[in-house]
Each structure stands twice: as C-alpha cells, then as structure tokens.
Amino acid sequence: MLKLIGAGMTLAACGSIGVTWARVYEKRPQQLVAIEGALQLLETEILYGATPLPEAMAQVAAKCDPEMAGLFRNTALELRKMAGITAGEAWEAAVRDFFPGTALNKQDLQILKRFGAPLGASDKEDQAKHIELTKSQLKLAAQQAESQCRKHALVYKYLGFLGGLLLVLILY
C-alpha cells in the first residue's frame, strides 16, 4: 500500500514539474501580446491625449494587463523622481527590474530595450512610429512564441509524466 502511495506521489511530482515547464512556454506569447496591447494604450495616450510621458506611463499601468503593469509603473516612478535620467534610461531600468519575473527571453528583452532608446527624445509622431515598430516586432515574436508553445509545451507535459512513470518502474 505504501509503495502504491509513493508511486502515485512520484508520478504526480514529476508530472507537475513537466506542467510547470510547459507553463513557461504558454505564458510567453500571452505576455508578449499583453505588452503589445499596453504599447497601443501608450500610443493612444501620447498621440491623442497629449499626455506627458510620466503620466502616460502611469495611466497605461492602470489600464493594462496587471502582469505587465509593473513595467510601466516602474518607468513612471523613475521619470517622476527627476533624478536627471532620460526617459530611455528610466525605461531600461524598469525593463531590467521587470524582466527576471517574466517568461520572456533575451530576444524579447532586446526588443524592449531598443524601444526605450528613442523614448521621449522626439515629437509625438516619431514616438508613434517607434511604438508601431516595436509592436510589429512584438507581434512577430508572439507568433514565433506561439509556434514554439505548440511544439514544446505538450512535449514537456508528456516528459514529466512519462519520466515519473519511468522512475516509478525503476524504483519499484
């Protein structure tokens, strides 16, 4: 009886590890789409609301996906400190702090960092062009992430459960 309980616990533990790995692949496309939507909100605030950048970032943080709000909230806080940094530097600091808690990869990080470089350094039409470029890059990255998700997520789930089954067979 104890062996059966142990086998079930082993199988469940290995299966949950596989499901956890699969979630990383499933979360990345969602996070990329959420950032893309937040950038759309930022574009609207800049173009049509003529809102100053710190307030625009704060309003985007209030309206966007809660998981991505931290990125825009941190940028707004950095800009409001008036510590003598540019908007691009504030964005990069926020991205650097925000990035470790996400499922995004290094290519996604580069897209976000490139977006920050010209941020706040030109007129609103030029800002809109930079936002559009970043949104198109994020859309492409989200499509690639979705195809990777379809390939890899199911494999990790199966590997977790089959690895647990193999471990049970070896141990018992």
N, C-alpha and C. Protein backbone atom coordinates (compact mmCIF):
# COMPACT_ATOMS: atom_id res chain seq x y z
N MET A 1 0.82 -1.19 0.00
CA MET A 1 0.00 0.00 0.00
C MET A 1 0.87 1.26 0.00
N LEU A 2 1.93 1.26 0.84
CA LEU A 2 2.82 2.41 0.89
C LEU A 2 3.56 2.60 -0.43
N LYS A 3 3.92 1.49 -1.07
CA LYS A 3 4.59 1.60 -2.37
C LYS A 3 3.68 2.25 -3.40
N LEU A 4 2.41 1.91 -3.35
CA LEU A 4 1.45 2.47 -4.29
C LEU A 4 1.28 3.98 -4.06
N ILE A 5 1.22 4.38 -2.81
CA ILE A 5 1.12 5.81 -2.48
C ILE A 5 2.39 6.53 -2.91
N GLY A 6 3.54 5.93 -2.66
CA GLY A 6 4.82 6.53 -3.08
C GLY A 6 4.91 6.65 -4.59
N ALA A 7 4.43 5.62 -5.30
CA ALA A 7 4.45 5.65 -6.76
C ALA A 7 3.54 6.77 -7.27
N GLY A 8 2.38 6.91 -6.67
CA GLY A 8 1.46 7.98 -7.07
C GLY A 8 2.04 9.35 -6.81
N MET A 9 2.70 9.51 -5.67
CA MET A 9 3.31 10.80 -5.35
C MET A 9 4.46 11.12 -6.30
N THR A 10 5.25 10.10 -6.63
CA THR A 10 6.37 10.29 -7.57
C THR A 10 5.85 10.70 -8.94
N LEU A 11 4.83 10.00 -9.39
CA LEU A 11 4.24 10.31 -10.69
C LEU A 11 3.64 11.72 -10.70
N ALA A 12 2.96 12.09 -9.63
CA ALA A 12 2.35 13.42 -9.54
C ALA A 12 3.43 14.51 -9.49
N ALA A 13 4.50 14.27 -8.75
CA ALA A 13 5.57 15.27 -8.65
C ALA A 13 6.26 15.49 -9.99
N CYS A 14 6.59 14.41 -10.66
CA CYS A 14 7.25 14.53 -11.97
C CYS A 14 6.31 15.16 -12.99
N GLY A 15 5.05 14.79 -12.94
CA GLY A 15 4.07 15.38 -13.86
C GLY A 15 3.91 16.87 -13.62
N SER A 16 3.91 17.28 -12.36
CA SER A 16 3.77 18.71 -12.07
C SER A 16 5.00 19.50 -12.51
N ILE A 17 6.17 18.87 -12.47
CA ILE A 17 7.38 19.52 -12.98
C ILE A 17 7.24 19.75 -14.49
N GLY A 18 6.76 18.76 -15.20
CA GLY A 18 6.54 18.90 -16.64
C GLY A 18 5.52 19.98 -16.97
N VAL A 19 4.46 20.02 -16.19
CA VAL A 19 3.42 21.04 -16.41
C VAL A 19 3.98 22.44 -16.12
N THR A 20 4.82 22.55 -15.11
CA THR A 20 5.43 23.84 -14.77
C THR A 20 6.33 24.32 -15.91
N TRP A 21 7.14 23.44 -16.46
CA TRP A 21 7.99 23.81 -17.59
C TRP A 21 7.14 24.22 -18.79
N ALA A 22 6.05 23.52 -19.00
CA ALA A 22 5.18 23.84 -20.13
C ALA A 22 4.54 25.22 -19.96
N ARG A 23 4.26 25.61 -18.73
CA ARG A 23 3.63 26.91 -18.48
C ARG A 23 4.51 28.07 -18.93
N VAL A 24 5.83 27.90 -18.83
CA VAL A 24 6.73 28.96 -19.29
C VAL A 24 6.52 29.20 -20.78
N TYR A 25 6.40 28.12 -21.54
CA TYR A 25 6.15 28.26 -22.98
C TYR A 25 4.77 28.84 -23.25
N GLU A 26 3.82 28.55 -22.39
CA GLU A 26 2.46 29.05 -22.59
C GLU A 26 2.32 30.51 -22.19
N LYS A 27 3.12 30.96 -21.22
CA LYS A 27 3.00 32.33 -20.73
C LYS A 27 3.66 33.35 -21.64
N ARG A 28 4.73 32.96 -22.31
CA ARG A 28 5.48 33.92 -23.13
C ARG A 28 4.62 34.58 -24.20
N PRO A 29 3.87 33.83 -25.03
CA PRO A 29 3.04 34.51 -26.03
C PRO A 29 2.00 35.45 -25.40
N GLN A 30 1.45 35.04 -24.26
CA GLN A 30 0.47 35.87 -23.58
C GLN A 30 1.10 37.18 -23.11
N GLN A 31 2.30 37.08 -22.57
CA GLN A 31 2.97 38.28 -22.07
C GLN A 31 3.36 39.22 -23.21
N LEU A 32 3.80 38.66 -24.33
CA LEU A 32 4.14 39.49 -25.49
C LEU A 32 2.92 40.23 -26.02
N VAL A 33 1.80 39.55 -26.09
CA VAL A 33 0.56 40.18 -26.56
C VAL A 33 0.11 41.26 -25.56
N ALA A 34 0.30 41.00 -24.27
CA ALA A 34 -0.08 41.99 -23.25
C ALA A 34 0.78 43.24 -23.36
N ILE A 35 2.08 43.07 -23.62
CA ILE A 35 2.95 44.24 -23.79
C ILE A 35 2.56 45.00 -25.05
N GLU A 36 2.25 44.27 -26.10
CA GLU A 36 1.81 44.90 -27.35
C GLU A 36 0.55 45.75 -27.11
N GLY A 37 -0.39 45.22 -26.36
CA GLY A 37 -1.61 45.96 -26.03
C GLY A 37 -1.31 47.19 -25.19
N ALA A 38 -0.38 47.05 -24.25
CA ALA A 38 -0.01 48.19 -23.41
C ALA A 38 0.65 49.28 -24.25
N LEU A 39 1.46 48.88 -25.22
CA LEU A 39 2.08 49.87 -26.10
C LEU A 39 1.04 50.59 -26.95
N GLN A 40 -0.02 49.88 -27.31
CA GLN A 40 -1.12 50.52 -28.05
C GLN A 40 -1.77 51.60 -27.17
N LEU A 41 -1.95 51.28 -25.90
CA LEU A 41 -2.50 52.27 -24.96
C LEU A 41 -1.56 53.47 -24.83
N LEU A 42 -0.26 53.20 -24.77
CA LEU A 42 0.72 54.28 -24.65
C LEU A 42 0.68 55.17 -25.90
N GLU A 43 0.58 54.54 -27.05
CA GLU A 43 0.50 55.31 -28.30
C GLU A 43 -0.73 56.22 -28.30
N THR A 44 -1.84 55.70 -27.83
CA THR A 44 -3.07 56.50 -27.76
C THR A 44 -2.89 57.67 -26.81
N GLU A 45 -2.28 57.42 -25.66
CA GLU A 45 -2.06 58.50 -24.68
C GLU A 45 -1.15 59.58 -25.25
N ILE A 46 -0.11 59.17 -25.96
CA ILE A 46 0.85 60.14 -26.50
C ILE A 46 0.24 60.92 -27.66
N LEU A 47 -0.38 60.21 -28.60
CA LEU A 47 -0.89 60.86 -29.81
C LEU A 47 -2.15 61.67 -29.57
N TYR A 48 -3.13 61.06 -28.94
CA TYR A 48 -4.45 61.69 -28.85
C TYR A 48 -4.70 62.38 -27.52
N GLY A 49 -4.03 61.91 -26.48
CA GLY A 49 -4.22 62.54 -25.18
C GLY A 49 -3.22 63.65 -24.92
N ALA A 50 -2.14 63.67 -25.70
CA ALA A 50 -1.05 64.64 -25.50
C ALA A 50 -0.62 64.65 -24.03
N THR A 51 -0.57 63.47 -23.45
CA THR A 51 -0.23 63.31 -22.05
C THR A 51 1.28 63.27 -21.88
N PRO A 52 1.83 63.98 -20.89
CA PRO A 52 3.27 63.88 -20.62
C PRO A 52 3.65 62.42 -20.33
N LEU A 53 4.87 62.06 -20.66
CA LEU A 53 5.29 60.67 -20.60
C LEU A 53 5.13 60.02 -19.21
N PRO A 54 5.51 60.68 -18.10
CA PRO A 54 5.32 60.01 -16.80
C PRO A 54 3.85 59.69 -16.52
N GLU A 55 2.96 60.63 -16.83
CA GLU A 55 1.53 60.39 -16.61
C GLU A 55 1.00 59.34 -17.58
N ALA A 56 1.48 59.38 -18.82
CA ALA A 56 1.05 58.38 -19.80
C ALA A 56 1.44 56.98 -19.35
N MET A 57 2.66 56.84 -18.84
CA MET A 57 3.11 55.53 -18.35
C MET A 57 2.26 55.07 -17.17
N ALA A 58 1.94 56.00 -16.26
CA ALA A 58 1.12 55.65 -15.10
C ALA A 58 -0.29 55.25 -15.54
N GLN A 59 -0.85 55.95 -16.51
CA GLN A 59 -2.19 55.61 -16.99
C GLN A 59 -2.20 54.26 -17.70
N VAL A 60 -1.15 53.98 -18.46
CA VAL A 60 -1.05 52.67 -19.11
C VAL A 60 -0.96 51.58 -18.06
N ALA A 61 -0.18 51.82 -17.01
CA ALA A 61 -0.04 50.83 -15.93
C ALA A 61 -1.39 50.55 -15.28
N ALA A 62 -2.22 51.58 -15.16
CA ALA A 62 -3.53 51.41 -14.54
C ALA A 62 -4.51 50.66 -15.44
N LYS A 63 -4.32 50.76 -16.76
CA LYS A 63 -5.28 50.18 -17.69
C LYS A 63 -4.86 48.83 -18.28
N CYS A 64 -3.58 48.53 -18.28
CA CYS A 64 -3.12 47.33 -18.99
C CYS A 64 -3.21 46.08 -18.12
N ASP A 65 -2.81 44.97 -18.70
CA ASP A 65 -2.79 43.68 -18.02
C ASP A 65 -1.99 43.81 -16.71
N PRO A 66 -2.55 43.37 -15.58
CA PRO A 66 -1.86 43.53 -14.30
C PRO A 66 -0.47 42.92 -14.25
N GLU A 67 -0.27 41.87 -15.02
CA GLU A 67 1.04 41.21 -15.04
C GLU A 67 2.11 42.10 -15.67
N MET A 68 1.71 42.96 -16.60
CA MET A 68 2.65 43.84 -17.29
C MET A 68 2.66 45.26 -16.73
N ALA A 69 1.75 45.55 -15.84
CA ALA A 69 1.62 46.91 -15.31
C ALA A 69 2.88 47.38 -14.59
N GLY A 70 3.60 46.46 -13.96
CA GLY A 70 4.80 46.83 -13.23
C GLY A 70 5.84 47.51 -14.09
N LEU A 71 5.97 47.08 -15.32
CA LEU A 71 6.94 47.68 -16.24
C LEU A 71 6.64 49.16 -16.45
N PHE A 72 5.40 49.48 -16.69
CA PHE A 72 5.02 50.87 -16.96
C PHE A 72 4.97 51.69 -15.67
N ARG A 73 4.56 51.06 -14.58
CA ARG A 73 4.53 51.74 -13.28
C ARG A 73 5.95 52.13 -12.85
N ASN A 74 6.90 51.19 -13.00
CA ASN A 74 8.28 51.47 -12.61
C ASN A 74 8.89 52.58 -13.47
N THR A 75 8.55 52.58 -14.76
CA THR A 75 9.05 53.64 -15.64
C THR A 75 8.50 54.99 -15.19
N ALA A 76 7.21 55.04 -14.89
CA ALA A 76 6.60 56.29 -14.42
C ALA A 76 7.25 56.77 -13.13
N LEU A 77 7.51 55.84 -12.21
CA LEU A 77 8.15 56.21 -10.95
C LEU A 77 9.55 56.76 -11.18
N GLU A 78 10.32 56.11 -12.06
CA GLU A 78 11.67 56.59 -12.37
C GLU A 78 11.63 57.99 -12.98
N LEU A 79 10.67 58.21 -13.87
CA LEU A 79 10.57 59.52 -14.52
C LEU A 79 10.13 60.60 -13.54
N ARG A 80 9.30 60.25 -12.60
CA ARG A 80 8.81 61.24 -11.63
C ARG A 80 9.86 61.60 -10.59
N LYS A 81 10.86 60.74 -10.41
CA LYS A 81 11.93 61.04 -9.45
C LYS A 81 12.74 62.25 -9.87
N MET A 82 12.75 62.51 -11.17
CA MET A 82 13.55 63.61 -11.73
C MET A 82 15.00 63.51 -11.28
N ALA A 83 15.55 62.34 -11.43
CA ALA A 83 16.92 62.08 -11.00
C ALA A 83 17.94 62.41 -12.09
N GLY A 84 17.53 63.17 -13.10
CA GLY A 84 18.45 63.55 -14.16
C GLY A 84 18.69 62.45 -15.18
N ILE A 85 17.74 61.53 -15.29
CA ILE A 85 17.89 60.47 -16.29
C ILE A 85 16.89 60.71 -17.43
N THR A 86 17.21 60.19 -18.58
CA THR A 86 16.32 60.33 -19.73
C THR A 86 15.18 59.31 -19.62
N ALA A 87 14.18 59.49 -20.46
CA ALA A 87 13.07 58.54 -20.49
C ALA A 87 13.57 57.16 -20.91
N GLY A 88 14.52 57.13 -21.84
CA GLY A 88 15.09 55.86 -22.28
C GLY A 88 15.81 55.13 -21.15
N GLU A 89 16.54 55.88 -20.34
CA GLU A 89 17.24 55.27 -19.20
C GLU A 89 16.24 54.78 -18.15
N ALA A 90 15.17 55.53 -17.93
CA ALA A 90 14.14 55.10 -16.99
C ALA A 90 13.47 53.82 -17.49
N TRP A 91 13.19 53.76 -18.79
CA TRP A 91 12.58 52.57 -19.38
C TRP A 91 13.52 51.37 -19.24
N GLU A 92 14.80 51.58 -19.54
CA GLU A 92 15.76 50.48 -19.46
C GLU A 92 15.89 49.96 -18.03
N ALA A 93 15.90 50.86 -17.05
CA ALA A 93 15.97 50.43 -15.65
C ALA A 93 14.73 49.64 -15.27
N ALA A 94 13.57 50.09 -15.74
CA ALA A 94 12.33 49.38 -15.44
C ALA A 94 12.32 48.00 -16.10
N VAL A 95 12.80 47.92 -17.34
CA VAL A 95 12.86 46.64 -18.05
C VAL A 95 13.81 45.69 -17.32
N ARG A 96 14.95 46.22 -16.89
CA ARG A 96 15.94 45.40 -16.19
C ARG A 96 15.37 44.83 -14.88
N ASP A 97 14.60 45.64 -14.16
CA ASP A 97 13.99 45.17 -12.91
C ASP A 97 12.83 44.22 -13.16
N PHE A 98 12.10 44.46 -14.23
CA PHE A 98 10.88 43.71 -14.53
C PHE A 98 11.16 42.36 -15.18
N PHE A 99 12.18 42.29 -16.00
CA PHE A 99 12.45 41.13 -16.85
C PHE A 99 12.60 39.80 -16.11
N PRO A 100 13.32 39.72 -14.98
CA PRO A 100 13.51 38.40 -14.35
C PRO A 100 12.22 37.70 -13.92
N GLY A 101 11.16 38.42 -13.68
CA GLY A 101 9.91 37.80 -13.24
C GLY A 101 8.98 37.38 -14.36
N THR A 102 9.49 37.36 -15.58
CA THR A 102 8.63 37.05 -16.73
C THR A 102 9.10 35.78 -17.43
N ALA A 103 8.32 35.36 -18.41
CA ALA A 103 8.69 34.21 -19.24
C ALA A 103 9.36 34.67 -20.53
N LEU A 104 9.68 35.94 -20.63
CA LEU A 104 10.28 36.49 -21.84
C LEU A 104 11.73 36.03 -21.98
N ASN A 105 12.21 35.97 -23.22
CA ASN A 105 13.60 35.55 -23.44
C ASN A 105 14.47 36.76 -23.79
N LYS A 106 15.73 36.50 -24.10
CA LYS A 106 16.68 37.59 -24.34
C LYS A 106 16.35 38.40 -25.60
N GLN A 107 15.78 37.75 -26.62
CA GLN A 107 15.39 38.48 -27.82
C GLN A 107 14.26 39.47 -27.50
N ASP A 108 13.34 39.05 -26.66
CA ASP A 108 12.25 39.94 -26.23
C ASP A 108 12.82 41.11 -25.44
N LEU A 109 13.79 40.82 -24.60
CA LEU A 109 14.44 41.87 -23.81
C LEU A 109 15.09 42.90 -24.74
N GLN A 110 15.73 42.43 -25.80
CA GLN A 110 16.37 43.35 -26.75
C GLN A 110 15.34 44.24 -27.45
N ILE A 111 14.20 43.66 -27.79
CA ILE A 111 13.13 44.46 -28.42
C ILE A 111 12.69 45.57 -27.47
N LEU A 112 12.50 45.21 -26.21
CA LEU A 112 12.05 46.21 -25.23
C LEU A 112 13.11 47.27 -24.98
N LYS A 113 14.37 46.85 -24.93
CA LYS A 113 15.44 47.83 -24.72
C LYS A 113 15.56 48.78 -25.91
N ARG A 114 15.45 48.25 -27.13
CA ARG A 114 15.52 49.11 -28.31
C ARG A 114 14.38 50.13 -28.34
N PHE A 115 13.23 49.73 -27.82
CA PHE A 115 12.10 50.66 -27.76
C PHE A 115 12.43 51.85 -26.86
N GLY A 116 13.14 51.60 -25.79
CA GLY A 116 13.42 52.66 -24.82
C GLY A 116 14.42 53.69 -25.28
N ALA A 117 15.33 53.31 -26.17
CA ALA A 117 16.40 54.23 -26.58
C ALA A 117 15.86 55.57 -27.10
N PRO A 118 14.92 55.60 -28.04
CA PRO A 118 14.43 56.91 -28.53
C PRO A 118 13.25 57.46 -27.74
N LEU A 119 12.87 56.80 -26.67
CA LEU A 119 11.67 57.19 -25.93
C LEU A 119 11.82 58.59 -25.35
N GLY A 120 10.87 59.45 -25.64
CA GLY A 120 10.86 60.80 -25.09
C GLY A 120 11.85 61.75 -25.74
N ALA A 121 12.54 61.31 -26.80
CA ALA A 121 13.58 62.14 -27.40
C ALA A 121 13.13 62.81 -28.69
N SER A 122 11.86 62.64 -29.07
CA SER A 122 11.40 63.22 -30.32
C SER A 122 9.92 63.62 -30.19
N ASP A 123 9.36 64.11 -31.29
CA ASP A 123 7.97 64.55 -31.26
C ASP A 123 7.02 63.35 -31.22
N LYS A 124 5.74 63.63 -31.02
CA LYS A 124 4.78 62.54 -30.81
C LYS A 124 4.59 61.68 -32.04
N GLU A 125 4.71 62.23 -33.24
CA GLU A 125 4.57 61.41 -34.45
C GLU A 125 5.72 60.41 -34.57
N ASP A 126 6.92 60.87 -34.24
CA ASP A 126 8.08 59.97 -34.28
C ASP A 126 7.96 58.90 -33.19
N GLN A 127 7.44 59.30 -32.03
CA GLN A 127 7.20 58.33 -30.95
C GLN A 127 6.23 57.25 -31.42
N ALA A 128 5.19 57.68 -32.13
CA ALA A 128 4.19 56.73 -32.64
C ALA A 128 4.83 55.75 -33.61
N LYS A 129 5.75 56.23 -34.44
CA LYS A 129 6.45 55.34 -35.38
C LYS A 129 7.28 54.30 -34.63
N HIS A 130 7.97 54.74 -33.58
CA HIS A 130 8.77 53.81 -32.78
C HIS A 130 7.88 52.78 -32.07
N ILE A 131 6.74 53.24 -31.59
CA ILE A 131 5.81 52.32 -30.93
C ILE A 131 5.27 51.31 -31.94
N GLU A 132 4.92 51.77 -33.13
CA GLU A 132 4.43 50.85 -34.18
C GLU A 132 5.49 49.82 -34.54
N LEU A 133 6.73 50.25 -34.68
CA LEU A 133 7.82 49.33 -34.99
C LEU A 133 7.96 48.28 -33.89
N THR A 134 7.94 48.72 -32.65
CA THR A 134 8.07 47.78 -31.53
C THR A 134 6.88 46.83 -31.48
N LYS A 135 5.69 47.35 -31.72
CA LYS A 135 4.51 46.48 -31.73
C LYS A 135 4.61 45.42 -32.81
N SER A 136 5.10 45.79 -33.99
CA SER A 136 5.24 44.79 -35.06
C SER A 136 6.30 43.75 -34.70
N GLN A 137 7.38 44.17 -34.05
CA GLN A 137 8.40 43.22 -33.61
C GLN A 137 7.85 42.28 -32.54
N LEU A 138 7.05 42.83 -31.62
CA LEU A 138 6.44 42.01 -30.58
C LEU A 138 5.42 41.04 -31.16
N LYS A 139 4.68 41.49 -32.18
CA LYS A 139 3.70 40.61 -32.82
C LYS A 139 4.41 39.42 -33.47
N LEU A 140 5.51 39.69 -34.15
CA LEU A 140 6.29 38.61 -34.78
C LEU A 140 6.85 37.67 -33.72
N ALA A 141 7.38 38.24 -32.64
CA ALA A 141 7.91 37.41 -31.55
C ALA A 141 6.80 36.58 -30.91
N ALA A 142 5.60 37.14 -30.79
CA ALA A 142 4.47 36.40 -30.21
C ALA A 142 4.06 35.25 -31.12
N GLN A 143 4.09 35.46 -32.43
CA GLN A 143 3.77 34.37 -33.36
C GLN A 143 4.80 33.25 -33.26
N GLN A 144 6.08 33.62 -33.17
CA GLN A 144 7.12 32.61 -33.01
C GLN A 144 6.98 31.88 -31.68
N ALA A 145 6.65 32.63 -30.63
CA ALA A 145 6.47 32.02 -29.31
C ALA A 145 5.29 31.07 -29.31
N GLU A 146 4.24 31.43 -30.03
CA GLU A 146 3.06 30.57 -30.12
C GLU A 146 3.40 29.26 -30.83
N SER A 147 4.18 29.33 -31.89
CA SER A 147 4.56 28.09 -32.59
C SER A 147 5.48 27.24 -31.71
N GLN A 148 6.38 27.88 -30.96
CA GLN A 148 7.22 27.14 -30.02
C GLN A 148 6.38 26.51 -28.93
N CYS A 149 5.37 27.23 -28.49
CA CYS A 149 4.48 26.71 -27.45
C CYS A 149 3.78 25.45 -27.92
N ARG A 150 3.27 25.50 -29.14
CA ARG A 150 2.59 24.31 -29.67
C ARG A 150 3.54 23.12 -29.76
N LYS A 151 4.80 23.38 -30.10
CA LYS A 151 5.77 22.30 -30.24
C LYS A 151 6.23 21.75 -28.89
N HIS A 152 6.59 22.66 -28.00
CA HIS A 152 7.31 22.25 -26.80
C HIS A 152 6.46 22.02 -25.56
N ALA A 153 5.36 22.73 -25.39
CA ALA A 153 4.59 22.63 -24.16
C ALA A 153 4.05 21.22 -23.95
N LEU A 154 3.48 20.65 -24.97
CA LEU A 154 2.94 19.30 -24.85
C LEU A 154 4.05 18.28 -24.59
N VAL A 155 5.19 18.50 -25.23
CA VAL A 155 6.33 17.59 -25.03
C VAL A 155 6.76 17.61 -23.57
N TYR A 156 6.86 18.80 -22.97
CA TYR A 156 7.27 18.88 -21.57
C TYR A 156 6.25 18.23 -20.63
N LYS A 157 4.99 18.40 -20.94
CA LYS A 157 3.96 17.74 -20.11
C LYS A 157 4.12 16.23 -20.18
N TYR A 158 4.25 15.71 -21.40
CA TYR A 158 4.42 14.26 -21.56
C TYR A 158 5.72 13.78 -20.92
N LEU A 159 6.79 14.54 -21.09
CA LEU A 159 8.06 14.13 -20.49
C LEU A 159 7.97 14.06 -18.98
N GLY A 160 7.26 14.99 -18.39
CA GLY A 160 7.11 14.97 -16.94
C GLY A 160 6.42 13.71 -16.47
N PHE A 161 5.28 13.41 -17.07
CA PHE A 161 4.53 12.23 -16.64
C PHE A 161 5.24 10.93 -17.02
N LEU A 162 5.80 10.88 -18.22
CA LEU A 162 6.49 9.66 -18.62
C LEU A 162 7.79 9.46 -17.84
N GLY A 163 8.47 10.57 -17.53
CA GLY A 163 9.66 10.47 -16.67
C GLY A 163 9.29 9.96 -15.29
N GLY A 164 8.18 10.43 -14.76
CA GLY A 164 7.70 9.93 -13.47
C GLY A 164 7.34 8.46 -13.53
N LEU A 165 6.70 8.05 -14.61
CA LEU A 165 6.35 6.64 -14.79
C LEU A 165 7.61 5.79 -14.88
N LEU A 166 8.61 6.27 -15.62
CA LEU A 166 9.87 5.54 -15.72
C LEU A 166 10.54 5.43 -14.36
N LEU A 167 10.53 6.50 -13.61
CA LEU A 167 11.13 6.49 -12.27
C LEU A 167 10.40 5.50 -11.36
N VAL A 168 9.09 5.47 -11.45
CA VAL A 168 8.31 4.51 -10.66
C VAL A 168 8.68 3.09 -11.05
N LEU A 169 8.79 2.83 -12.34
CA LEU A 169 9.14 1.48 -12.80
C LEU A 169 10.54 1.08 -12.36
N ILE A 170 11.47 2.01 -12.38
CA ILE A 170 12.84 1.71 -11.96
C ILE A 170 12.91 1.46 -10.46
N LEU A 171 12.24 2.28 -9.69
CA LEU A 171 12.32 2.17 -8.23
C LEU A 171 11.51 1.02 -7.66
N TYR A 172 10.45 0.62 -8.33
CA TYR A 172 9.59 -0.41 -7.77
C TYR A 172 9.64 -1.60 -8.64
